[in-house]
Amino acid sequence: MDEILEPLDLKDFQICIECIKGKRTNERKLSAERAKDVLELIHIDICGLFPTASWNGQQYFITFIDDYFHYRYLYLIQEKSLSLDIF
């Protein structure tokens, strides 16, 4: 079967190849166990430093995802050091 798009040539990217490969989430881990109750497992991700700040100066954001309900919450923060306070 012919592919719709040609495969990406990752050598041409000016950012870290491992970073690109690390964000590939389309592979399911069949042995992974899901949470069986609310707030049993929370996934956290901190992103930034973004070159353009928000209207009030935040250049990072932190996300919390409940594994059971898949409820997502996002907080804008000015520094990574504030992430523990947000948690």
C-alpha atoms as a PDB file:
ATOM      1  CA  MET A   1       0.000   0.000   0.000  1.00  0.00           C
ATOM      2  CA  ASP A   2       1.429   3.401  -0.976  1.00  0.00           C
ATOM      3  CA  GLU A   3       1.854   5.970   1.745  1.00  0.00           C
ATOM      4  CA  ILE A   4      -0.132   9.174   1.498  1.00  0.00           C
ATOM      5  CA  LEU A   5       2.786  11.301   2.720  1.00  0.00           C
ATOM      6  CA  GLU A   6       6.481  10.695   2.267  1.00  0.00           C
ATOM      7  CA  PRO A   7       8.380   9.775   5.451  1.00  0.00           C
ATOM      8  CA  LEU A   8       9.967  12.703   7.298  1.00  0.00           C
ATOM      9  CA  ASP A   9      13.691  13.231   6.878  1.00  0.00           C
ATOM     10  CA  LEU A  10      14.593  14.175  10.452  1.00  0.00           C
ATOM     11  CA  LYS A  11      18.142  15.248   9.529  1.00  0.00           C
ATOM     12  CA  ASP A  12      16.826  18.559   8.178  1.00  0.00           C
ATOM     13  CA  PHE A  13      15.301  19.700  11.495  1.00  0.00           C
ATOM     14  CA  GLN A  14      17.252  22.277  13.467  1.00  0.00           C
ATOM     15  CA  ILE A  15      15.926  21.039  16.793  1.00  0.00           C
ATOM     16  CA  CYS A  16      16.938  17.957  18.737  1.00  0.00           C
ATOM     17  CA  ILE A  17      16.009  14.705  16.960  1.00  0.00           C
ATOM     18  CA  GLU A  18      15.542  12.906  20.298  1.00  0.00           C
ATOM     19  CA  CYS A  19      13.052  15.588  21.370  1.00  0.00           C
ATOM     20  CA  ILE A  20      10.952  14.925  18.280  1.00  0.00           C
ATOM     21  CA  LYS A  21      11.096  11.161  18.775  1.00  0.00           C
ATOM     22  CA  GLY A  22      10.245  11.543  22.486  1.00  0.00           C
ATOM     23  CA  LYS A  23       6.945  13.273  21.684  1.00  0.00           C
ATOM     24  CA  ARG A  24       5.687  10.354  19.582  1.00  0.00           C
ATOM     25  CA  THR A  25       2.635   9.222  21.505  1.00  0.00           C
ATOM     26  CA  ASN A  26       0.869   7.143  18.874  1.00  0.00           C
ATOM     27  CA  GLU A  27       2.371   3.899  20.192  1.00  0.00           C
ATOM     28  CA  ARG A  28       0.130   2.299  22.825  1.00  0.00           C
ATOM     29  CA  LYS A  29       1.715   0.407  25.668  1.00  0.00           C
ATOM     30  CA  LEU A  30      -0.553  -2.580  26.097  1.00  0.00           C
ATOM     31  CA  SER A  31       0.993  -3.523  29.440  1.00  0.00           C
ATOM     32  CA  ALA A  32       0.293  -0.097  30.988  1.00  0.00           C
ATOM     33  CA  GLU A  33      -2.361  -0.131  33.685  1.00  0.00           C
ATOM     34  CA  ARG A  34      -4.879   2.703  33.827  1.00  0.00           C
ATOM     35  CA  ALA A  35      -6.069   4.332  37.035  1.00  0.00           C
ATOM     36  CA  LYS A  36      -9.098   2.720  38.635  1.00  0.00           C
ATOM     37  CA  ASP A  37     -10.240   5.793  40.597  1.00  0.00           C
ATOM     38  CA  VAL A  38     -10.272   9.584  40.393  1.00  0.00           C
ATOM     39  CA  LEU A  39      -6.938  11.273  41.255  1.00  0.00           C
ATOM     40  CA  GLU A  40      -5.185   7.905  41.599  1.00  0.00           C
ATOM     41  CA  LEU A  41      -2.732   8.860  38.838  1.00  0.00           C
ATOM     42  CA  ILE A  42      -2.035  12.401  37.620  1.00  0.00           C
ATOM     43  CA  HIS A  43       0.137  13.149  34.593  1.00  0.00           C
ATOM     44  CA  ILE A  44       2.038  16.440  34.821  1.00  0.00           C
ATOM     45  CA  ASP A  45       3.924  18.288  32.093  1.00  0.00           C
ATOM     46  CA  ILE A  46       5.752  21.625  32.247  1.00  0.00           C
ATOM     47  CA  CYS A  47       6.335  23.430  28.961  1.00  0.00           C
ATOM     48  CA  GLY A  48       8.331  26.551  28.145  1.00  0.00           C
ATOM     49  CA  LEU A  49      10.299  28.900  27.993  1.00  0.00           C
ATOM     50  CA  PHE A  50       8.316  30.407  25.143  1.00  0.00           C
ATOM     51  CA  PRO A  51       9.832  33.358  23.259  1.00  0.00           C
ATOM     52  CA  THR A  52       6.606  35.372  23.465  1.00  0.00           C
ATOM     53  CA  ALA A  53       5.119  35.931  26.894  1.00  0.00           C
ATOM     54  CA  SER A  54       1.382  36.033  27.600  1.00  0.00           C
ATOM     55  CA  TRP A  55      -0.357  39.362  28.190  1.00  0.00           C
ATOM     56  CA  ASN A  56       0.672  39.288  31.860  1.00  0.00           C
ATOM     57  CA  GLY A  57       4.191  37.894  31.465  1.00  0.00           C
ATOM     58  CA  GLN A  58       3.875  34.119  31.753  1.00  0.00           C
ATOM     59  CA  GLN A  59       6.271  32.140  29.560  1.00  0.00           C
ATOM     60  CA  TYR A  60       5.601  28.611  30.871  1.00  0.00           C
ATOM     61  CA  PHE A  61       2.581  26.432  31.397  1.00  0.00           C
ATOM     62  CA  ILE A  62       1.947  23.337  33.470  1.00  0.00           C
ATOM     63  CA  THR A  63      -0.718  20.738  32.688  1.00  0.00           C
ATOM     64  CA  PHE A  64      -2.371  18.205  34.984  1.00  0.00           C
ATOM     65  CA  ILE A  65      -4.287  15.269  33.495  1.00  0.00           C
ATOM     66  CA  ASP A  66      -6.334  12.851  35.606  1.00  0.00           C
ATOM     67  CA  ASP A  67      -5.703   9.352  34.223  1.00  0.00           C
ATOM     68  CA  TYR A  68      -9.170   8.091  35.173  1.00  0.00           C
ATOM     69  CA  PHE A  69     -11.428  10.817  33.742  1.00  0.00           C
ATOM     70  CA  HIS A  70      -8.834  12.367  31.395  1.00  0.00           C
ATOM     71  CA  TYR A  71      -9.807  15.739  32.851  1.00  0.00           C
ATOM     72  CA  ARG A  72      -7.195  18.334  31.910  1.00  0.00           C
ATOM     73  CA  TYR A  73      -6.243  21.533  33.654  1.00  0.00           C
ATOM     74  CA  LEU A  74      -3.696  24.084  32.458  1.00  0.00           C
ATOM     75  CA  TYR A  75      -1.960  26.795  34.491  1.00  0.00           C
ATOM     76  CA  LEU A  76       0.135  29.607  33.063  1.00  0.00           C
ATOM     77  CA  ILE A  77       3.226  30.326  35.179  1.00  0.00           C
ATOM     78  CA  GLN A  78       6.057  32.852  35.039  1.00  0.00           C
ATOM     79  CA  GLU A  79       8.850  30.523  36.236  1.00  0.00           C
ATOM     80  CA  LYS A  80       9.358  26.769  36.480  1.00  0.00           C
ATOM     81  CA  SER A  81      10.146  27.191  40.173  1.00  0.00           C
ATOM     82  CA  LEU A  82       6.443  28.041  40.742  1.00  0.00           C
ATOM     83  CA  SER A  83       5.284  24.606  39.556  1.00  0.00           C
ATOM     84  CA  LEU A  84       5.472  23.038  43.024  1.00  0.00           C
ATOM     85  CA  ASP A  85       3.327  25.852  44.429  1.00  0.00           C
ATOM     86  CA  ILE A  86       0.745  25.252  41.679  1.00  0.00           C
ATOM     87  CA  PHE A  87       0.736  21.511  42.399  1.00  0.00           C
END
